[in-house]
Amino acid sequence: MTHNTNISASDKLKALLSRFSASLKARTSGIKTTRWIRFGVVAALWIGFSIWMENAWLLLALFLIFDIYISGYIPFTWWKHSKNRAVRAVMSWVDAIVYALILVYFIFNFIGQNYSIPSSSLEKTLLTGDYLFVNKLTYGPRVPMTPIHFPLVHNTLPILNCNSYLEWPHVKYHRLKGFRNVESGDIVVFNFPAGDTVMSKMPNPDYYQLVALHGYAAVNNPANKAVFGEKITRPVDRRENYVKRCVGLPGQRLKIIDGEIFINGIKQPMPQHAQFAYYVTTDGYHLPTSFFDDLDIAIDDRISLNVPKGYPPVYRLPLTNDMLDIVKSNPHVVDVEREPAENDPLHLFPFEIADREGWTRADYGGPDGILIPQKGMTVALNLDNWLLYQRAIRVYEDNPSATWKNSKVYINGSPTDSYTFAMDYYFMMGDNRDYSQDSRFWGFVPEDHIVGSPMFVIASLDVDRGLFGGGLRWNRFFIDANPDK
């Protein structure tokens, strides 16, 4: 009796497959050759993408792709057969928009995207108002860690002023194969490491600087919400994008002496367009707007210092070596001197060591320099190493329980005297050395924060000039975004 039941089930399955085969043959018999070609191209691209992603489960989507282009069992285009003209018109727009958003999603996440320079931290290499094309293939794109997000905005939806992403599901960090690793001297776009926590009304300086400057209680006091705003936490790939130059690689020792960077004891070449802050004193003459325009100094960087009545004007200006020579040659300029680095009001990283040792942005890292973490590198966890690496251990490498107590580091409740890093880290700085908030202030950039490398300037707009009054910097369109490499 059981044997007959099995034969019956087998016959039913054969009949079902036969009917499906006949149905599929009927549905595909009239398909145009061009549609088969389109299916073949899309299928080949998807197979290549699945291999690149190293995820065989993605191949299951081939059945969906086949149905969209060939079999049509799922009525994706039902609206084309509607008798209602309005339905057809509206749905045609919806269909086009959905396809465009899907395409943009894949391009922005896996190929590249545009990025604007919001500040002067890299001038004169990159200028405020430059729009860059950031290549994500250079170092290999990250698989989106917050995959459900609106593709045309970064972290906040305009008008609605809410998150443009869902924090669930969350995907573990994974980077696809790229052409090469980050190299010294590269200009790199990355997610701001200290941007995991921000205050909505005062995003700059970052939350940790605010706490160091004003105290935890003041920043987190509900009574001060009008000043600091709400505390917001963000996942890695939804933190603000920053662009800086990589000056230190994993496993290297970095120190700065009088503004010059030393790696493993060797002095590094200064970028061609590096700038430093200078105090410029005149003979009493007030420098005209044309003077700053000729030097291409942004309005926000033309700082006139408050001096006592009767004293000559003093300006704080960011200058390259070439600009410095021009300023010194001006007949009304009587004195030019570098701004003392001790004037910086912000704390340097790591706060406790930098404050104790008296580090400045121009003299940083002490006699031995700081060792940049490298994947697989093991360090002894004495107090200074804990102060230097605690954020990397606790936040970036997800050991929130790690703490220093009783002169030891405890991770998951157990004492440990060493730690082995799971990621590579980088040290980033701006070419506008005295106007740049960079790794000197907030520390190492983990590899999972790396977004890509800018290839070229798409367009450039001078924010200080009208669109038809020299606001379009035509000479910067499509130039190399990393001229020192």
Protein backbone atom coordinates (compact mmCIF):
# COMPACT_ATOMS: atom_id res chain seq x y z
CA MET A 1 0.00 0.00 0.00
CA THR A 2 2.88 2.34 0.85
CA HIS A 3 4.61 1.48 -2.46
CA ASN A 4 1.52 2.51 -4.46
CA THR A 5 1.31 5.82 -2.56
CA ASN A 6 4.91 6.63 -3.48
CA ILE A 7 4.26 5.89 -7.13
CA SER A 8 1.20 8.13 -7.02
CA ALA A 9 3.18 11.00 -5.49
CA SER A 10 5.90 10.54 -8.11
CA ASP A 11 3.34 10.61 -10.90
CA LYS A 12 1.80 13.78 -9.47
CA LEU A 13 5.21 15.44 -9.35
CA LYS A 14 5.92 14.43 -12.96
CA ALA A 15 2.55 15.77 -14.03
CA LEU A 16 3.15 19.04 -12.18
CA LEU A 17 6.58 19.46 -13.78
CA SER A 18 5.13 18.63 -17.17
CA ARG A 19 2.43 21.27 -16.82
CA PHE A 20 5.00 23.83 -15.58
CA SER A 21 7.28 22.98 -18.50
CA ALA A 22 4.44 23.39 -20.96
CA SER A 23 3.42 26.69 -19.33
CA LEU A 24 7.00 27.96 -19.37
CA LYS A 25 7.41 26.96 -23.02
CA ALA A 26 4.21 28.78 -23.92
CA ARG A 27 5.31 31.92 -22.02
CA THR A 28 8.79 32.00 -23.59
CA SER A 29 7.93 30.99 -27.15
CA GLY A 30 7.12 34.52 -28.24
CA ILE A 31 9.92 36.30 -26.41
CA LYS A 32 11.97 38.57 -28.67
CA THR A 33 15.68 37.90 -29.14
CA THR A 34 16.52 41.35 -27.76
CA ARG A 35 14.81 40.47 -24.49
CA TRP A 36 16.86 37.26 -24.20
CA ILE A 37 19.99 39.32 -24.80
CA ARG A 38 19.00 41.80 -22.07
CA PHE A 39 18.35 38.90 -19.70
CA GLY A 40 21.73 37.39 -20.57
CA VAL A 41 23.57 40.64 -19.91
CA VAL A 42 21.82 41.26 -16.58
CA ALA A 43 22.25 37.61 -15.52
CA ALA A 44 25.97 37.70 -16.36
CA LEU A 45 26.40 40.92 -14.39
CA TRP A 46 24.55 39.44 -11.42
CA ILE A 47 26.65 36.26 -11.50
CA GLY A 48 29.82 38.37 -11.55
CA PHE A 49 28.47 40.48 -8.68
CA SER A 50 27.67 37.34 -6.64
CA ILE A 51 31.21 36.02 -7.17
CA TRP A 52 32.66 39.42 -6.16
CA MET A 53 30.46 39.41 -3.05
CA GLU A 54 31.57 35.80 -2.32
CA ASN A 55 27.94 34.92 -1.58
CA ALA A 56 26.38 31.99 -3.47
CA TRP A 57 22.95 32.70 -1.98
CA LEU A 58 22.70 35.75 -4.22
CA LEU A 59 22.49 33.43 -7.23
CA LEU A 60 18.92 32.60 -6.20
CA ALA A 61 17.98 36.04 -7.52
CA LEU A 62 18.60 34.66 -11.04
CA PHE A 63 15.13 33.06 -10.85
CA LEU A 64 13.63 36.50 -10.18
CA ILE A 65 15.66 38.07 -12.99
CA PHE A 66 14.49 35.31 -15.37
CA ASP A 67 10.89 35.96 -14.39
CA ILE A 68 11.24 39.74 -14.86
CA TYR A 69 12.70 39.46 -18.36
CA ILE A 70 11.35 36.17 -19.68
CA SER A 71 8.64 34.13 -17.94
CA GLY A 72 6.54 36.88 -16.34
CA TYR A 73 4.78 34.79 -13.70
CA ILE A 74 4.93 37.70 -11.23
CA PRO A 75 2.84 40.52 -12.75
CA PHE A 76 5.33 43.36 -12.25
CA THR A 77 3.90 45.21 -15.28
CA TRP A 78 0.20 44.73 -14.53
CA TRP A 79 -0.36 48.46 -14.88
CA LYS A 80 0.54 48.40 -18.59
CA HIS A 81 -2.69 46.49 -19.26
CA SER A 82 -4.88 48.82 -17.21
CA LYS A 83 -7.70 50.58 -19.05
CA ASN A 84 -7.26 53.62 -16.79
CA ARG A 85 -4.93 56.12 -18.50
CA ALA A 86 -4.09 57.84 -15.18
CA VAL A 87 -3.01 54.54 -13.62
CA ARG A 88 -0.74 53.83 -16.59
CA ALA A 89 0.76 57.32 -16.48
CA VAL A 90 1.40 57.31 -12.72
CA MET A 91 2.75 53.77 -12.63
CA SER A 92 5.08 54.43 -15.55
CA TRP A 93 6.70 57.17 -13.47
CA VAL A 94 6.79 54.94 -10.38
CA ASP A 95 8.37 52.16 -12.44
CA ALA A 96 11.05 54.51 -13.82
CA ILE A 97 11.80 55.98 -10.39
CA VAL A 98 12.13 52.55 -8.75
CA TYR A 99 14.51 51.36 -11.46
CA ALA A 100 16.54 54.58 -11.12
CA LEU A 101 16.75 54.29 -7.32
CA ILE A 102 17.87 50.66 -7.54
CA LEU A 103 20.54 51.62 -10.06
CA VAL A 104 21.68 54.58 -7.95
CA TYR A 105 21.76 52.33 -4.85
CA PHE A 106 24.18 49.90 -6.50
CA ILE A 107 26.32 52.60 -8.11
CA PHE A 108 26.65 54.67 -4.93
CA ASN A 109 27.38 51.68 -2.72
CA PHE A 110 29.69 49.66 -4.95
CA ILE A 111 31.15 51.94 -7.66
CA GLY A 112 31.40 55.56 -6.51
CA GLN A 113 29.51 58.74 -5.72
CA ASN A 114 29.84 62.51 -5.58
CA TYR A 115 31.12 64.31 -2.49
CA SER A 116 31.44 68.02 -1.74
CA ILE A 117 34.24 69.72 0.19
CA PRO A 118 32.50 71.60 3.03
CA SER A 119 35.54 73.11 4.79
CA SER A 120 39.05 74.39 4.14
CA SER A 121 40.96 71.57 5.85
CA LEU A 122 42.59 70.39 2.61
CA GLU A 123 43.14 73.75 0.92
CA LYS A 124 44.90 74.46 -1.38
CA THR A 125 44.94 70.88 -2.65
CA LEU A 126 41.15 70.71 -2.60
CA LEU A 127 39.03 73.82 -2.20
CA THR A 128 35.82 74.50 -0.34
CA GLY A 129 33.10 74.10 -2.96
CA ASP A 130 34.86 71.36 -4.92
CA TYR A 131 32.57 68.48 -5.93
CA LEU A 132 34.49 65.21 -6.16
CA PHE A 133 33.86 61.83 -7.69
CA VAL A 134 34.85 59.32 -5.01
CA ASN A 135 35.98 55.97 -6.39
CA LYS A 136 34.98 53.11 -4.09
CA LEU A 137 36.65 50.48 -6.26
CA THR A 138 40.17 51.68 -5.42
CA TYR A 139 40.26 50.14 -1.93
CA GLY A 140 37.26 47.88 -2.53
CA PRO A 141 33.72 48.95 -1.60
CA ARG A 142 32.22 48.06 1.76
CA VAL A 143 29.14 45.89 1.76
CA PRO A 144 26.51 48.29 3.21
CA MET A 145 26.35 47.77 6.97
CA THR A 146 22.95 49.49 7.10
CA PRO A 147 21.58 48.09 3.82
CA ILE A 148 18.11 49.63 4.08
CA HIS A 149 18.61 53.33 3.41
CA PHE A 150 17.45 55.99 1.00
CA PRO A 151 20.18 56.19 -1.67
CA LEU A 152 20.21 59.92 -2.38
CA VAL A 153 20.91 61.22 1.13
CA HIS A 154 23.53 60.25 3.69
CA ASN A 155 21.94 60.08 7.14
CA THR A 156 19.08 62.57 7.42
CA LEU A 157 16.03 63.01 5.22
CA PRO A 158 15.51 66.67 4.33
CA ILE A 159 12.30 68.43 5.46
CA LEU A 160 11.30 65.40 7.59
CA ASN A 161 14.58 65.74 9.52
CA CYS A 162 14.65 62.06 10.46
CA ASN A 163 17.03 59.18 9.82
CA SER A 164 17.31 58.16 6.17
CA TYR A 165 18.17 54.59 7.17
CA LEU A 166 16.99 51.68 9.30
CA GLU A 167 19.47 50.35 11.85
CA TRP A 168 18.04 46.85 11.41
CA PRO A 169 19.12 44.68 9.74
CA HIS A 170 22.79 45.35 10.45
CA VAL A 171 25.44 43.63 8.33
CA LYS A 172 28.88 42.79 9.71
CA TYR A 173 31.75 44.72 8.16
CA HIS A 174 33.03 43.17 4.94
CA ARG A 175 35.08 44.85 2.21
CA LEU A 176 35.12 43.55 -1.33
CA LYS A 177 38.34 43.19 -3.28
CA GLY A 178 39.72 46.45 -4.63
CA PHE A 179 42.67 47.48 -6.75
CA ARG A 180 45.00 48.32 -3.84
CA ASN A 181 45.29 49.27 -0.18
CA VAL A 182 45.45 52.79 1.24
CA GLU A 183 48.91 54.26 0.65
CA SER A 184 50.78 57.06 2.38
CA GLY A 185 49.90 60.39 0.77
CA ASP A 186 46.48 59.25 -0.49
CA ILE A 187 43.60 61.65 -0.07
CA VAL A 188 40.89 59.48 1.48
CA VAL A 189 37.16 59.86 2.14
CA PHE A 190 36.06 58.14 5.34
CA ASN A 191 33.31 58.15 7.93
CA PHE A 192 34.15 60.40 10.87
CA PRO A 193 35.31 58.03 13.66
CA ALA A 194 34.14 60.33 16.48
CA GLY A 195 30.77 60.67 14.72
CA ASP A 196 29.27 57.66 16.48
CA THR A 197 27.81 60.16 18.96
CA VAL A 198 26.86 63.73 18.01
CA MET A 199 24.90 66.55 19.57
CA SER A 200 22.22 67.70 17.14
CA LYS A 201 22.71 71.45 17.67
CA MET A 202 26.49 71.39 18.02
CA PRO A 203 27.99 68.70 15.77
CA ASN A 204 31.35 70.48 15.64
CA PRO A 205 33.45 70.13 17.71
CA ASP A 206 32.57 66.49 18.19
CA TYR A 207 30.79 65.09 21.25
CA TYR A 208 33.99 63.90 22.94
CA GLN A 209 35.64 67.31 22.55
CA LEU A 210 32.51 68.93 23.98
CA VAL A 211 32.66 66.64 27.02
CA ALA A 212 36.37 67.39 27.48
CA LEU A 213 35.74 71.14 27.17
CA HIS A 214 32.50 71.49 29.17
CA GLY A 215 32.20 68.29 31.21
CA TYR A 216 29.91 65.27 30.77
CA ALA A 217 27.25 66.61 33.11
CA ALA A 218 26.93 69.93 31.25
CA VAL A 219 26.73 68.39 27.76
CA ASN A 220 24.20 65.75 28.82
CA ASN A 221 22.12 67.97 31.09
CA PRO A 222 18.52 68.26 29.74
CA ALA A 223 18.56 71.89 30.87
CA ASN A 224 21.25 72.58 28.24
CA LYS A 225 19.34 70.98 25.38
CA ALA A 226 18.79 74.39 23.78
CA VAL A 227 22.58 74.76 23.49
CA PHE A 228 23.75 71.25 22.63
CA GLY A 229 20.58 69.59 21.35
CA GLU A 230 19.74 65.89 21.43
CA LYS A 231 22.39 63.18 21.66
CA ILE A 232 22.35 61.10 18.46
CA THR A 233 24.15 57.82 17.83
CA ARG A 234 24.92 56.59 14.32
CA PRO A 235 26.21 53.33 12.78
CA VAL A 236 29.61 53.34 11.07
CA ASP A 237 28.51 53.89 7.47
CA ARG A 238 25.97 56.60 8.36
CA ARG A 239 28.50 58.84 10.14
CA GLU A 240 29.50 62.06 8.42
CA ASN A 241 31.95 61.81 5.53
CA TYR A 242 35.34 63.46 6.01
CA VAL A 243 38.19 63.86 3.53
CA LYS A 244 41.84 64.09 4.64
CA ARG A 245 45.28 62.94 3.55
CA CYS A 246 46.62 59.65 4.92
CA VAL A 247 49.96 60.43 6.58
CA GLY A 248 50.37 57.30 8.70
CA LEU A 249 49.81 53.62 7.84
CA PRO A 250 49.13 50.59 10.06
CA GLY A 251 52.18 49.53 12.08
CA GLN A 252 54.06 52.81 11.60
CA ARG A 253 55.29 55.19 14.28
CA LEU A 254 54.27 58.83 13.75
CA LYS A 255 55.43 62.02 15.38
CA ILE A 256 55.31 65.69 14.40
CA ILE A 257 58.17 68.11 15.05
CA ASP A 258 57.61 71.81 14.29
CA GLY A 259 54.86 70.91 11.81
CA GLU A 260 56.95 68.30 9.97
CA ILE A 261 55.74 64.69 9.97
CA PHE A 262 58.18 61.88 10.78
CA ILE A 263 57.33 58.23 10.07
CA ASN A 264 59.56 55.65 11.76
CA GLY A 265 62.03 58.48 12.33
CA ILE A 266 62.14 59.57 8.66
CA LYS A 267 61.00 63.06 7.70
CA GLN A 268 58.15 62.98 5.18
CA PRO A 269 57.80 65.28 2.15
CA MET A 270 55.45 68.21 2.64
CA PRO A 271 52.44 68.25 0.27
CA GLN A 272 52.85 70.77 -2.52
CA HIS A 273 49.95 72.97 -1.37
CA ALA A 274 50.29 72.58 2.41
CA GLN A 275 49.26 75.67 4.39
CA PHE A 276 50.10 76.98 7.85
CA ALA A 277 48.56 79.80 9.88
CA TYR A 278 50.47 83.09 10.04
CA TYR A 279 49.99 86.40 11.82
CA VAL A 280 50.38 89.20 9.26
CA THR A 281 50.98 92.71 10.63
CA THR A 282 50.75 95.83 8.43
CA ASP A 283 52.06 99.38 8.84
CA GLY A 284 48.55 100.52 9.72
CA TYR A 285 47.13 99.91 6.28
CA HIS A 286 43.95 97.81 6.14
CA LEU A 287 44.38 95.15 3.49
CA PRO A 288 41.68 95.44 0.80
CA THR A 289 39.36 92.68 -0.35
CA SER A 290 41.28 92.46 -3.63
CA PHE A 291 44.41 91.43 -1.70
CA PHE A 292 42.65 88.36 -0.30
CA ASP A 293 40.87 87.64 -3.58
CA ASP A 294 44.18 87.60 -5.46
CA LEU A 295 45.52 85.06 -2.95
CA ASP A 296 42.24 83.10 -3.20
CA ILE A 297 41.74 83.15 0.58
CA ALA A 298 38.15 82.30 1.51
CA ILE A 299 36.15 84.92 3.41
CA ASP A 300 35.85 82.64 6.46
CA ASP A 301 39.66 82.38 6.59
CA ARG A 302 40.29 86.16 6.48
CA ILE A 303 40.49 86.66 10.23
CA SER A 304 41.24 90.16 11.51
CA LEU A 305 42.43 89.97 15.12
CA ASN A 306 41.15 92.29 17.81
CA VAL A 307 44.04 94.60 18.65
CA PRO A 308 44.09 97.62 21.03
CA LYS A 309 43.18 100.98 19.55
CA GLY A 310 46.13 102.67 17.96
CA TYR A 311 47.92 99.42 17.10
CA PRO A 312 48.33 98.30 13.45
CA PRO A 313 46.00 95.65 11.99
CA VAL A 314 46.95 91.97 12.45
CA TYR A 315 45.47 89.22 10.30
CA ARG A 316 45.45 85.47 10.83
CA LEU A 317 45.79 83.84 7.40
CA PRO A 318 46.44 80.32 6.08
CA LEU A 319 49.33 80.50 3.59
CA THR A 320 51.29 78.15 1.35
CA ASN A 321 55.00 78.85 0.78
CA ASP A 322 54.20 80.60 -2.50
CA MET A 323 51.47 82.70 -0.86
CA LEU A 324 53.85 83.53 1.99
CA ASP A 325 56.38 84.99 -0.45
CA ILE A 326 53.68 87.17 -2.04
CA VAL A 327 52.48 88.44 1.35
CA LYS A 328 56.04 89.28 2.47
CA SER A 329 56.61 91.25 -0.73
CA ASN A 330 53.64 93.53 -0.05
CA PRO A 331 55.00 96.99 0.88
CA HIS A 332 52.42 97.46 3.66
CA VAL A 333 53.31 94.19 5.44
CA VAL A 334 55.87 94.78 8.19
CA ASP A 335 55.87 91.42 9.99
CA VAL A 336 54.86 87.81 9.29
CA GLU A 337 55.18 85.05 11.89
CA ARG A 338 53.83 81.54 12.38
CA GLU A 339 50.95 81.27 14.81
CA PRO A 340 52.01 79.52 18.03
CA ALA A 341 50.52 76.03 18.09
CA GLU A 342 49.74 76.37 21.80
CA ASN A 343 46.84 78.68 20.90
CA ASP A 344 44.57 75.80 19.86
CA PRO A 345 41.60 75.59 22.26
CA LEU A 346 40.77 71.94 21.48
CA HIS A 347 42.25 68.91 23.20
CA LEU A 348 44.63 66.64 21.31
CA PHE A 349 44.32 62.86 21.08
CA PRO A 350 44.63 61.05 23.41
CA PHE A 351 43.44 63.77 25.76
CA GLU A 352 45.10 62.54 28.95
CA ILE A 353 48.55 61.90 27.47
CA ALA A 354 48.58 65.00 25.25
CA ASP A 355 47.59 67.27 28.15
CA ARG A 356 50.13 65.64 30.46
CA GLU A 357 53.02 65.82 27.97
CA GLY A 358 52.14 69.23 26.55
CA TRP A 359 51.72 68.07 22.95
CA THR A 360 50.60 70.62 20.38
CA ARG A 361 49.34 70.26 16.82
CA ALA A 362 52.86 71.20 15.62
CA ASP A 363 54.81 69.06 18.10
CA TYR A 364 52.93 65.83 18.59
CA GLY A 365 53.57 62.25 19.66
CA GLY A 366 56.51 62.69 22.03
CA PRO A 367 60.08 61.54 21.36
CA ASP A 368 59.08 58.02 20.28
CA GLY A 369 55.90 58.92 18.39
CA ILE A 370 52.66 56.96 18.54
CA LEU A 371 52.34 53.46 17.11
CA ILE A 372 49.42 53.15 14.66
CA PRO A 373 47.51 49.86 15.20
CA GLN A 374 47.82 47.12 12.59
CA LYS A 375 45.69 44.02 12.11
CA GLY A 376 47.29 41.16 14.05
CA MET A 377 49.55 43.49 16.06
CA THR A 378 49.71 42.78 19.79
CA VAL A 379 50.41 45.54 22.32
CA ALA A 380 51.05 45.44 26.04
CA LEU A 381 48.20 47.05 27.98
CA ASN A 382 49.99 49.38 30.35
CA LEU A 383 48.27 52.63 31.33
CA ASP A 384 49.63 54.76 28.46
CA ASN A 385 48.76 52.14 25.84
CA TRP A 386 45.28 51.86 27.33
CA LEU A 387 44.82 55.63 27.07
CA LEU A 388 46.08 55.53 23.47
CA TYR A 389 44.13 52.49 22.27
CA GLN A 390 41.07 52.30 24.52
CA ARG A 391 38.68 53.78 21.93
CA ALA A 392 39.91 51.38 19.26
CA ILE A 393 39.48 48.44 21.64
CA ARG A 394 36.16 49.43 23.17
CA VAL A 395 34.31 51.15 20.28
CA TYR A 396 35.83 50.24 16.92
CA GLU A 397 36.51 46.59 17.78
CA ASP A 398 33.31 46.18 19.80
CA ASN A 399 34.56 45.40 23.30
CA PRO A 400 32.26 47.75 25.26
CA SER A 401 33.01 46.03 28.56
CA ALA A 402 36.74 46.82 28.36
CA THR A 403 37.79 49.02 31.28
CA TRP A 404 40.82 50.04 33.32
CA LYS A 405 40.60 49.24 37.03
CA ASN A 406 43.02 48.17 39.73
CA SER A 407 45.93 49.02 37.38
CA LYS A 408 44.77 46.44 34.84
CA VAL A 409 42.60 46.20 31.75
CA TYR A 410 39.53 43.98 32.05
CA ILE A 411 37.73 42.68 28.96
CA ASN A 412 34.50 40.76 29.51
CA GLY A 413 35.31 40.72 33.21
CA SER A 414 38.70 39.03 32.82
CA PRO A 415 42.04 40.79 33.39
CA THR A 416 44.40 40.92 30.42
CA ASP A 417 47.85 42.38 29.91
CA SER A 418 47.83 42.50 26.08
CA TYR A 419 45.53 43.04 23.12
CA THR A 420 45.68 41.93 19.46
CA PHE A 421 44.01 44.26 16.97
CA ALA A 422 41.42 42.91 14.53
CA MET A 423 41.62 45.81 12.04
CA ASP A 424 44.10 48.13 10.36
CA TYR A 425 44.11 51.80 11.36
CA TYR A 426 45.28 55.02 9.69
CA PHE A 427 46.34 58.51 10.72
CA MET A 428 44.71 61.29 8.66
CA MET A 429 45.59 64.99 8.45
CA GLY A 430 44.51 67.99 6.41
CA ASP A 431 46.93 69.93 4.20
CA ASN A 432 45.66 73.15 5.81
CA ARG A 433 47.63 72.06 8.85
CA ASP A 434 46.59 74.70 11.38
CA TYR A 435 42.92 74.86 10.30
CA SER A 436 42.27 71.12 10.16
CA GLN A 437 40.55 69.06 12.83
CA ASP A 438 41.98 65.63 12.11
CA SER A 439 43.57 62.56 13.71
CA ARG A 440 45.58 64.83 15.99
CA PHE A 441 42.28 65.68 17.70
CA TRP A 442 40.17 62.50 17.41
CA GLY A 443 42.59 59.67 16.76
CA PHE A 444 42.93 56.73 14.41
CA VAL A 445 40.66 55.94 11.46
CA PRO A 446 39.68 52.23 11.43
CA GLU A 447 39.65 50.38 8.10
CA ASP A 448 35.88 49.79 8.30
CA HIS A 449 35.38 53.58 8.16
CA ILE A 450 37.19 53.96 4.82
CA VAL A 451 34.81 54.98 2.01
CA GLY A 452 37.03 55.52 -1.02
CA SER A 453 39.49 57.75 -2.82
CA PRO A 454 38.52 60.89 -4.79
CA MET A 455 39.48 60.56 -8.46
CA PHE A 456 38.73 63.97 -9.91
CA VAL A 457 36.90 67.24 -9.32
CA ILE A 458 33.52 67.09 -11.07
CA ALA A 459 32.86 70.81 -10.63
CA SER A 460 33.99 73.63 -8.38
CA LEU A 461 31.90 76.51 -6.99
CA ASP A 462 33.40 79.46 -5.13
CA VAL A 463 30.95 79.96 -2.26
CA ASP A 464 32.17 83.55 -1.77
CA ARG A 465 31.22 84.66 -5.29
CA GLY A 466 28.03 84.69 -7.30
CA LEU A 467 27.45 82.05 -9.94
CA PHE A 468 28.03 84.57 -12.73
CA GLY A 469 30.63 86.61 -10.86
CA GLY A 470 33.46 84.12 -10.96
CA GLY A 471 31.68 81.54 -8.84
CA LEU A 472 32.36 78.75 -11.32
CA ARG A 473 36.01 77.73 -11.12
CA TRP A 474 36.25 76.42 -14.67
CA ASN A 475 39.97 75.72 -14.32
CA ARG A 476 39.23 73.09 -11.66
CA PHE A 477 36.64 71.09 -13.60
CA PHE A 478 37.81 67.45 -14.07
CA ILE A 479 41.26 68.00 -12.58
CA ASP A 480 43.03 65.27 -10.56
CA ALA A 481 41.76 65.28 -6.97
CA ASN A 482 45.04 63.85 -5.65
CA PRO A 483 47.83 65.75 -7.46
CA ASP A 484 50.59 64.75 -5.02
CA LYS A 485 50.24 61.03 -5.86
